[in-house]
PDB file of all heavy atoms in Angstrom:
ATOM      1  N   PHE A   1     218.481 191.091 159.583  1.00  0.00           N
ATOM      2  CA  PHE A   1     218.625 190.375 160.835  1.00  0.00           C
ATOM      3  C   PHE A   1     218.009 188.986 160.727  1.00  0.00           C
ATOM      4  O   PHE A   1     216.879 188.819 160.385  1.00  0.00           O
ATOM      5  CB  PHE A   1     217.946 191.207 161.965  1.00  0.00           C
ATOM      6  CG  PHE A   1     218.009 190.556 163.327  1.00  0.00           C
ATOM      7  CD1 PHE A   1     219.189 190.440 164.019  1.00  0.00           C
ATOM      8  CD2 PHE A   1     216.859 190.000 163.850  1.00  0.00           C
ATOM      9  CE1 PHE A   1     219.239 189.876 165.245  1.00  0.00           C
ATOM     10  CE2 PHE A   1     216.889 189.391 165.087  1.00  0.00           C
ATOM     11  CZ  PHE A   1     218.103 189.308 165.815  1.00  0.00           C
ATOM     12  N   GLU A   2     218.895 188.030 160.993  1.00  0.00           N
ATOM     13  CA  GLU A   2     218.486 186.598 160.822  1.00  0.00           C
ATOM     14  C   GLU A   2     217.903 186.267 159.425  1.00  0.00           C
ATOM     15  O   GLU A   2     217.155 185.349 159.277  1.00  0.00           O
ATOM     16  CB  GLU A   2     217.575 186.133 161.919  1.00  0.00           C
ATOM     17  CG  GLU A   2     218.179 186.204 163.292  1.00  0.00           C
ATOM     18  CD  GLU A   2     217.307 185.701 164.446  1.00  0.00           C
ATOM     19  OE1 GLU A   2     216.170 185.252 164.173  1.00  0.00           O
ATOM     20  OE2 GLU A   2     217.759 185.761 165.609  1.00  0.00           O
ATOM     21  N   GLY A   3     218.312 187.079 158.451  1.00  0.00           N
ATOM     22  CA  GLY A   3     217.861 186.863 157.107  1.00  0.00           C
ATOM     23  C   GLY A   3     216.408 187.179 156.821  1.00  0.00           C
ATOM     24  O   GLY A   3     215.923 186.987 155.736  1.00  0.00           O
ATOM     25  N   LEU A   4     215.720 187.678 157.861  1.00  0.00           N
ATOM     26  CA  LEU A   4     214.261 187.933 157.689  1.00  0.00           C
ATOM     27  C   LEU A   4     213.783 189.304 158.065  1.00  0.00           C
ATOM     28  O   LEU A   4     212.695 189.712 157.636  1.00  0.00           O
ATOM     29  CB  LEU A   4     213.517 186.876 158.546  1.00  0.00           C
ATOM     30  CG  LEU A   4     213.622 185.461 158.101  1.00  0.00           C
ATOM     31  CD1 LEU A   4     213.018 184.594 159.141  1.00  0.00           C
ATOM     32  CD2 LEU A   4     212.922 185.287 156.731  1.00  0.00           C
ATOM     33  N   LEU A   5     214.495 190.069 158.815  1.00  0.00           N
ATOM     34  CA  LEU A   5     214.025 191.335 159.352  1.00  0.00           C
ATOM     35  C   LEU A   5     214.991 192.457 158.985  1.00  0.00           C
ATOM     36  O   LEU A   5     216.138 192.434 159.249  1.00  0.00           O
ATOM     37  CB  LEU A   5     213.914 191.243 160.887  1.00  0.00           C
ATOM     38  CG  LEU A   5     213.385 192.468 161.591  1.00  0.00           C
ATOM     39  CD1 LEU A   5     211.951 192.727 161.194  1.00  0.00           C
ATOM     40  CD2 LEU A   5     213.524 192.324 163.101  1.00  0.00           C
ATOM     41  N   LEU A   6     214.372 193.445 158.321  1.00  0.00           N
ATOM     42  CA  LEU A   6     215.158 194.595 157.932  1.00  0.00           C
ATOM     43  C   LEU A   6     215.130 195.632 159.083  1.00  0.00           C
ATOM     44  O   LEU A   6     214.066 196.103 159.444  1.00  0.00           O
ATOM     45  CB  LEU A   6     214.623 195.255 156.694  1.00  0.00           C
ATOM     46  CG  LEU A   6     215.453 196.329 156.066  1.00  0.00           C
ATOM     47  CD1 LEU A   6     215.352 196.338 154.556  1.00  0.00           C
ATOM     48  CD2 LEU A   6     215.059 197.728 156.633  1.00  0.00           C
ATOM     49  N   ARG A   7     216.295 195.882 159.663  1.00  0.00           N
ATOM     50  CA  ARG A   7     216.404 196.867 160.674  1.00  0.00           C
ATOM     51  C   ARG A   7     217.021 198.148 159.967  1.00  0.00           C
ATOM     52  O   ARG A   7     218.147 198.072 159.508  1.00  0.00           O
ATOM     53  CB  ARG A   7     217.374 196.477 161.802  1.00  0.00           C
ATOM     54  CG  ARG A   7     216.802 195.376 162.646  1.00  0.00           C
ATOM     55  CD  ARG A   7     217.782 194.968 163.723  1.00  0.00           C
ATOM     56  NE  ARG A   7     217.177 194.152 164.720  1.00  0.00           N
ATOM     57  CZ  ARG A   7     217.871 193.469 165.661  1.00  0.00           C
ATOM     58  NH1 ARG A   7     219.166 193.599 165.664  1.00  0.00           N
ATOM     59  NH2 ARG A   7     217.223 192.718 166.484  1.00  0.00           N
ATOM     60  N   GLU A   8     216.245 199.235 159.960  1.00  0.00           N
ATOM     61  CA  GLU A   8     216.642 200.366 159.123  1.00  0.00           C
ATOM     62  C   GLU A   8     218.022 200.906 159.433  1.00  0.00           C
ATOM     63  O   GLU A   8     218.834 201.141 158.537  1.00  0.00           O
ATOM     64  CB  GLU A   8     215.581 201.494 159.292  1.00  0.00           C
ATOM     65  CG  GLU A   8     215.921 202.670 158.364  1.00  0.00           C
ATOM     66  CD  GLU A   8     214.878 203.755 158.432  1.00  0.00           C
ATOM     67  OE1 GLU A   8     213.790 203.575 159.044  1.00  0.00           O
ATOM     68  OE2 GLU A   8     215.178 204.849 157.872  1.00  0.00           O
ATOM     69  N   LYS A   9     218.364 201.076 160.672  1.00  0.00           N
ATOM     70  CA  LYS A   9     219.662 201.663 161.069  1.00  0.00           C
ATOM     71  C   LYS A   9     220.767 200.764 160.534  1.00  0.00           C
ATOM     72  O   LYS A   9     221.774 201.228 159.941  1.00  0.00           O
ATOM     73  CB  LYS A   9     219.751 201.821 162.565  1.00  0.00           C
ATOM     74  CG  LYS A   9     221.018 202.486 163.048  1.00  0.00           C
ATOM     75  CD  LYS A   9     220.998 202.659 164.538  1.00  0.00           C
ATOM     76  CE  LYS A   9     222.306 203.313 164.997  1.00  0.00           C
ATOM     77  NZ  LYS A   9     222.357 203.479 166.449  1.00  0.00           N
ATOM     78  N   ASP A  10     220.695 199.425 160.777  1.00  0.00           N
ATOM     79  CA  ASP A  10     221.753 198.483 160.329  1.00  0.00           C
ATOM     80  C   ASP A  10     221.819 198.475 158.816  1.00  0.00           C
ATOM     81  O   ASP A  10     222.856 198.436 158.235  1.00  0.00           O
ATOM     82  CB  ASP A  10     221.422 197.087 160.869  1.00  0.00           C
ATOM     83  CG  ASP A  10     221.595 196.980 162.375  1.00  0.00           C
ATOM     84  OD1 ASP A  10     222.254 197.864 162.998  1.00  0.00           O
ATOM     85  OD2 ASP A  10     220.983 196.058 162.978  1.00  0.00           O
ATOM     86  N   PHE A  11     220.635 198.475 158.168  1.00  0.00           N
ATOM     87  CA  PHE A  11     220.573 198.398 156.741  1.00  0.00           C
ATOM     88  C   PHE A  11     221.216 199.594 156.139  1.00  0.00           C
ATOM     89  O   PHE A  11     222.050 199.470 155.155  1.00  0.00           O
ATOM     90  CB  PHE A  11     219.093 198.263 156.249  1.00  0.00           C
ATOM     91  CG  PHE A  11     218.934 197.917 154.807  1.00  0.00           C
ATOM     92  CD1 PHE A  11     219.038 196.619 154.420  1.00  0.00           C
ATOM     93  CD2 PHE A  11     218.651 198.907 153.911  1.00  0.00           C
ATOM     94  CE1 PHE A  11     218.906 196.283 153.041  1.00  0.00           C
ATOM     95  CE2 PHE A  11     218.535 198.637 152.562  1.00  0.00           C
ATOM     96  CZ  PHE A  11     218.641 197.273 152.140  1.00  0.00           C
ATOM     97  N   ARG A  12     220.901 200.783 156.596  1.00  0.00           N
ATOM     98  CA  ARG A  12     221.547 201.995 156.123  1.00  0.00           C
ATOM     99  C   ARG A  12     223.063 201.981 156.300  1.00  0.00           C
ATOM    100  O   ARG A  12     223.813 202.473 155.422  1.00  0.00           O
ATOM    101  CB  ARG A  12     220.934 203.237 156.783  1.00  0.00           C
ATOM    102  CG  ARG A  12     219.544 203.554 156.283  1.00  0.00           C
ATOM    103  CD  ARG A  12     219.003 204.869 156.906  1.00  0.00           C
ATOM    104  NE  ARG A  12     217.688 205.139 156.398  1.00  0.00           N
ATOM    105  CZ  ARG A  12     217.472 205.788 155.277  1.00  0.00           C
ATOM    106  NH1 ARG A  12     218.465 206.175 154.552  1.00  0.00           N
ATOM    107  NH2 ARG A  12     216.187 206.023 154.895  1.00  0.00           N
ATOM    108  N   LYS A  13     223.494 201.388 157.360  1.00  0.00           N
ATOM    109  CA  LYS A  13     224.949 201.319 157.620  1.00  0.00           C
ATOM    110  C   LYS A  13     225.595 200.416 156.583  1.00  0.00           C
ATOM    111  O   LYS A  13     226.689 200.745 156.005  1.00  0.00           O
ATOM    112  CB  LYS A  13     225.193 200.786 159.019  1.00  0.00           C
ATOM    113  CG  LYS A  13     226.659 200.714 159.395  1.00  0.00           C
ATOM    114  CD  LYS A  13     226.853 200.249 160.845  1.00  0.00           C
ATOM    115  CE  LYS A  13     228.346 200.135 161.112  1.00  0.00           C
ATOM    116  NZ  LYS A  13     228.653 199.461 162.353  1.00  0.00           N
ATOM    117  N   TYR A  14     224.991 199.272 156.248  1.00  0.00           N
ATOM    118  CA  TYR A  14     225.504 198.391 155.216  1.00  0.00           C
ATOM    119  C   TYR A  14     225.594 199.110 153.889  1.00  0.00           C
ATOM    120  O   TYR A  14     226.599 199.021 153.168  1.00  0.00           O
ATOM    121  CB  TYR A  14     224.638 197.110 155.043  1.00  0.00           C
ATOM    122  CG  TYR A  14     224.706 196.130 156.157  1.00  0.00           C
ATOM    123  CD1 TYR A  14     223.589 195.695 156.782  1.00  0.00           C
ATOM    124  CD2 TYR A  14     225.940 195.621 156.584  1.00  0.00           C
ATOM    125  CE1 TYR A  14     223.633 194.747 157.824  1.00  0.00           C
ATOM    126  CE2 TYR A  14     226.002 194.685 157.578  1.00  0.00           C
ATOM    127  CZ  TYR A  14     224.888 194.248 158.214  1.00  0.00           C
ATOM    128  OH  TYR A  14     224.944 193.302 159.205  1.00  0.00           O
ATOM    129  N   VAL A  15     224.539 199.910 153.577  1.00  0.00           N
ATOM    130  CA  VAL A  15     224.533 200.584 152.296  1.00  0.00           C
ATOM    131  C   VAL A  15     225.616 201.622 152.245  1.00  0.00           C
ATOM    132  O   VAL A  15     226.372 201.807 151.232  1.00  0.00           O
ATOM    133  CB  VAL A  15     223.133 201.224 152.022  1.00  0.00           C
ATOM    134  CG1 VAL A  15     223.156 202.164 150.797  1.00  0.00           C
ATOM    135  CG2 VAL A  15     222.066 200.170 151.819  1.00  0.00           C
ATOM    136  N   THR A  16     225.862 202.358 153.344  1.00  0.00           N
ATOM    137  CA  THR A  16     226.858 203.380 153.408  1.00  0.00           C
ATOM    138  C   THR A  16     228.262 202.847 153.335  1.00  0.00           C
ATOM    139  O   THR A  16     229.097 203.406 152.672  1.00  0.00           O
ATOM    140  CB  THR A  16     226.690 204.218 154.744  1.00  0.00           C
ATOM    141  OG1 THR A  16     225.362 204.720 154.785  1.00  0.00           O
ATOM    142  CG2 THR A  16     227.696 205.356 154.838  1.00  0.00           C
ATOM    143  N   GLU A  17     228.487 201.707 153.993  1.00  0.00           N
ATOM    144  CA  GLU A  17     229.838 201.185 154.061  1.00  0.00           C
ATOM    145  C   GLU A  17     230.226 200.243 152.921  1.00  0.00           C
ATOM    146  O   GLU A  17     231.393 199.892 152.740  1.00  0.00           O
ATOM    147  CB  GLU A  17     230.015 200.425 155.419  1.00  0.00           C
ATOM    148  CG  GLU A  17     229.897 201.365 156.552  1.00  0.00           C
ATOM    149  CD  GLU A  17     230.035 200.663 157.906  1.00  0.00           C
ATOM    150  OE1 GLU A  17     230.023 199.405 157.970  1.00  0.00           O
ATOM    151  OE2 GLU A  17     230.029 201.350 158.958  1.00  0.00           O
ATOM    152  N   HIS A  18     229.277 199.836 152.105  1.00  0.00           N
ATOM    153  CA  HIS A  18     229.540 198.884 151.002  1.00  0.00           C
ATOM    154  C   HIS A  18     230.329 199.531 149.920  1.00  0.00           C
ATOM    155  O   HIS A  18     230.129 200.729 149.572  1.00  0.00           O
ATOM    156  CB  HIS A  18     228.229 198.351 150.471  1.00  0.00           C
ATOM    157  CG  HIS A  18     228.386 197.166 149.535  1.00  0.00           C
ATOM    158  ND1 HIS A  18     228.751 195.931 149.968  1.00  0.00           N
ATOM    159  CD2 HIS A  18     228.278 197.101 148.182  1.00  0.00           C
ATOM    160  CE1 HIS A  18     228.831 195.131 148.878  1.00  0.00           C
ATOM    161  NE2 HIS A  18     228.551 195.823 147.808  1.00  0.00           N
ATOM    162  N   ASP A  19     231.278 198.808 149.293  1.00  0.00           N
ATOM    163  CA  ASP A  19     232.046 199.363 148.161  1.00  0.00           C
ATOM    164  C   ASP A  19     231.239 199.166 146.850  1.00  0.00           C
ATOM    165  O   ASP A  19     231.320 198.111 146.232  1.00  0.00           O
ATOM    166  CB  ASP A  19     233.410 198.619 148.086  1.00  0.00           C
ATOM    167  CG  ASP A  19     234.217 199.090 146.885  1.00  0.00           C
ATOM    168  OD1 ASP A  19     233.933 200.145 146.304  1.00  0.00           O
ATOM    169  OD2 ASP A  19     235.197 198.377 146.520  1.00  0.00           O
ATOM    170  N   TRP A  20     230.576 200.210 146.450  1.00  0.00           N
ATOM    171  CA  TRP A  20     229.707 200.110 145.263  1.00  0.00           C
ATOM    172  C   TRP A  20     230.513 200.232 143.958  1.00  0.00           C
ATOM    173  O   TRP A  20     230.031 199.867 142.891  1.00  0.00           O
ATOM    174  CB  TRP A  20     228.653 201.237 145.330  1.00  0.00           C
ATOM    175  CG  TRP A  20     227.740 201.027 146.504  1.00  0.00           C
ATOM    176  CD1 TRP A  20     227.737 201.758 147.663  1.00  0.00           C
ATOM    177  CD2 TRP A  20     226.740 200.017 146.669  1.00  0.00           C
ATOM    178  NE1 TRP A  20     226.777 201.244 148.490  1.00  0.00           N
ATOM    179  CE2 TRP A  20     226.180 200.159 147.954  1.00  0.00           C
ATOM    180  CE3 TRP A  20     226.310 198.978 145.885  1.00  0.00           C
ATOM    181  CZ2 TRP A  20     225.188 199.354 148.461  1.00  0.00           C
ATOM    182  CZ3 TRP A  20     225.266 198.148 146.353  1.00  0.00           C
ATOM    183  CH2 TRP A  20     224.731 198.353 147.644  1.00  0.00           C
ATOM    184  N   SER A  21     231.746 200.693 144.076  1.00  0.00           N
ATOM    185  CA  SER A  21     232.543 200.850 142.838  1.00  0.00           C
ATOM    186  C   SER A  21     232.831 199.454 142.178  1.00  0.00           C
ATOM    187  O   SER A  21     233.150 199.461 140.992  1.00  0.00           O
ATOM    188  CB  SER A  21     233.893 201.548 143.167  1.00  0.00           C
ATOM    189  OG  SER A  21     234.699 200.739 144.001  1.00  0.00           O
ATOM    190  N   GLN A  22     232.707 198.404 142.871  1.00  0.00           N
ATOM    191  CA  GLN A  22     232.933 197.067 142.274  1.00  0.00           C
ATOM    192  C   GLN A  22     231.852 196.724 141.246  1.00  0.00           C
ATOM    193  O   GLN A  22     231.993 195.772 140.494  1.00  0.00           O
ATOM    194  CB  GLN A  22     233.009 195.990 143.329  1.00  0.00           C
ATOM    195  CG  GLN A  22     231.675 195.796 144.159  1.00  0.00           C
ATOM    196  CD  GLN A  22     231.809 194.817 145.282  1.00  0.00           C
ATOM    197  OE1 GLN A  22     232.167 193.657 145.033  1.00  0.00           O
ATOM    198  NE2 GLN A  22     231.513 195.275 146.479  1.00  0.00           N
ATOM    199  N   TYR A  23     230.799 197.560 141.165  1.00  0.00           N
ATOM    200  CA  TYR A  23     229.732 197.285 140.189  1.00  0.00           C
ATOM    201  C   TYR A  23     229.822 198.199 138.999  1.00  0.00           C
ATOM    202  O   TYR A  23     228.884 198.329 138.208  1.00  0.00           O
ATOM    203  CB  TYR A  23     228.356 197.435 140.879  1.00  0.00           C
ATOM    204  CG  TYR A  23     228.238 196.576 142.069  1.00  0.00           C
ATOM    205  CD1 TYR A  23     228.471 196.999 143.348  1.00  0.00           C
ATOM    206  CD2 TYR A  23     227.892 195.166 141.887  1.00  0.00           C
ATOM    207  CE1 TYR A  23     228.352 196.166 144.436  1.00  0.00           C
ATOM    208  CE2 TYR A  23     227.799 194.343 142.987  1.00  0.00           C
ATOM    209  CZ  TYR A  23     228.040 194.822 144.263  1.00  0.00           C
ATOM    210  OH  TYR A  23     227.936 193.959 145.349  1.00  0.00           O
ATOM    211  N   GLN A  24     230.993 198.844 138.855  1.00  0.00           N
ATOM    212  CA  GLN A  24     231.163 199.749 137.713  1.00  0.00           C
ATOM    213  C   GLN A  24     230.901 199.048 136.395  1.00  0.00           C
ATOM    214  O   GLN A  24     231.431 197.988 136.131  1.00  0.00           O
ATOM    215  CB  GLN A  24     232.613 200.245 137.732  1.00  0.00           C
ATOM    216  CG  GLN A  24     232.929 201.296 136.667  1.00  0.00           C
ATOM    217  CD  GLN A  24     232.268 202.641 136.964  1.00  0.00           C
ATOM    218  OE1 GLN A  24     232.312 203.157 138.104  1.00  0.00           O
ATOM    219  NE2 GLN A  24     231.582 203.199 135.973  1.00  0.00           N
ATOM    220  N   ASP A  25     229.994 199.646 135.590  1.00  0.00           N
ATOM    221  CA  ASP A  25     229.655 199.180 134.250  1.00  0.00           C
ATOM    222  C   ASP A  25     229.068 197.758 134.248  1.00  0.00           C
ATOM    223  O   ASP A  25     229.174 197.032 133.261  1.00  0.00           O
ATOM    224  CB  ASP A  25     230.872 199.227 133.301  1.00  0.00           C
ATOM    225  CG  ASP A  25     231.334 200.662 133.098  1.00  0.00           C
ATOM    226  OD1 ASP A  25     230.468 201.613 133.121  1.00  0.00           O
ATOM    227  OD2 ASP A  25     232.554 200.891 132.973  1.00  0.00           O
ATOM    228  N   LYS A  26     228.373 197.386 135.340  1.00  0.00           N
ATOM    229  CA  LYS A  26     227.750 196.067 135.394  1.00  0.00           C
ATOM    230  C   LYS A  26     226.218 196.297 135.489  1.00  0.00           C
ATOM    231  O   LYS A  26     225.727 197.348 135.776  1.00  0.00           O
ATOM    232  CB  LYS A  26     228.251 195.338 136.603  1.00  0.00           C
ATOM    233  CG  LYS A  26     229.722 194.997 136.498  1.00  0.00           C
ATOM    234  CD  LYS A  26     230.247 194.203 137.632  1.00  0.00           C
ATOM    235  CE  LYS A  26     231.664 193.812 137.252  1.00  0.00           C
ATOM    236  NZ  LYS A  26     232.557 193.737 138.286  1.00  0.00           N
ATOM    237  N   TYR A  27     225.507 195.206 135.103  1.00  0.00           N
ATOM    238  CA  TYR A  27     224.086 195.187 135.215  1.00  0.00           C
ATOM    239  C   TYR A  27     223.766 194.416 136.491  1.00  0.00           C
ATOM    240  O   TYR A  27     224.241 193.311 136.702  1.00  0.00           O
ATOM    241  CB  TYR A  27     223.463 194.455 133.985  1.00  0.00           C
ATOM    242  CG  TYR A  27     223.767 195.152 132.695  1.00  0.00           C
ATOM    243  CD1 TYR A  27     224.917 194.923 131.966  1.00  0.00           C
ATOM    244  CD2 TYR A  27     222.852 196.108 132.240  1.00  0.00           C
ATOM    245  CE1 TYR A  27     225.179 195.590 130.801  1.00  0.00           C
ATOM    246  CE2 TYR A  27     223.079 196.804 131.049  1.00  0.00           C
ATOM    247  CZ  TYR A  27     224.229 196.531 130.323  1.00  0.00           C
ATOM    248  OH  TYR A  27     224.449 197.209 129.144  1.00  0.00           O
ATOM    249  N   VAL A  28     222.933 195.040 137.354  1.00  0.00           N
ATOM    250  CA  VAL A  28     222.678 194.469 138.706  1.00  0.00           C
ATOM    251  C   VAL A  28     221.209 194.207 138.918  1.00  0.00           C
ATOM    252  O   VAL A  28     220.350 195.085 138.720  1.00  0.00           O
ATOM    253  CB  VAL A  28     223.234 195.433 139.792  1.00  0.00           C
ATOM    254  CG1 VAL A  28     222.980 194.820 141.164  1.00  0.00           C
ATOM    255  CG2 VAL A  28     224.674 195.756 139.560  1.00  0.00           C
ATOM    256  N   ALA A  29     220.892 193.024 139.320  1.00  0.00           N
ATOM    257  CA  ALA A  29     219.513 192.619 139.695  1.00  0.00           C
ATOM    258  C   ALA A  29     219.535 192.494 141.263  1.00  0.00           C
ATOM    259  O   ALA A  29     220.323 191.821 141.829  1.00  0.00           O
ATOM    260  CB  ALA A  29     219.147 191.274 139.081  1.00  0.00           C
ATOM    261  N   LEU A  30     218.604 193.226 141.886  1.00  0.00           N
ATOM    262  CA  LEU A  30     218.448 193.237 143.318  1.00  0.00           C
ATOM    263  C   LEU A  30     217.337 192.268 143.697  1.00  0.00           C
ATOM    264  O   LEU A  30     216.272 192.210 143.089  1.00  0.00           O
ATOM    265  CB  LEU A  30     218.071 194.606 143.828  1.00  0.00           C
ATOM    266  CG  LEU A  30     218.980 195.765 143.477  1.00  0.00           C
ATOM    267  CD1 LEU A  30     218.354 197.077 143.964  1.00  0.00           C
ATOM    268  CD2 LEU A  30     220.349 195.536 144.057  1.00  0.00           C
ATOM    269  N   ARG A  31     217.634 191.453 144.733  1.00  0.00           N
ATOM    270  CA  ARG A  31     216.602 190.530 145.193  1.00  0.00           C
ATOM    271  C   ARG A  31     216.834 190.174 146.639  1.00  0.00           C
ATOM    272  O   ARG A  31     217.899 190.440 147.192  1.00  0.00           O
ATOM    273  CB  ARG A  31     216.519 189.287 144.322  1.00  0.00           C
ATOM    274  CG  ARG A  31     217.709 188.323 144.553  1.00  0.00           C
ATOM    275  CD  ARG A  31     217.596 187.107 143.714  1.00  0.00           C
ATOM    276  NE  ARG A  31     216.447 186.290 144.088  1.00  0.00           N
ATOM    277  CZ  ARG A  31     216.535 185.069 144.582  1.00  0.00           C
ATOM    278  NH1 ARG A  31     217.677 184.501 144.799  1.00  0.00           N
ATOM    279  NH2 ARG A  31     215.432 184.421 144.941  1.00  0.00           N
TER     280      ARG A  31
END
């Protein structure tokens, strides 16, 4: 939220709805 606040419900929704298959066989750095 506004790039600064993690709202758990919204965050979980993003994770659930994101297409993770696009990262197949890739190396991923989270930040």
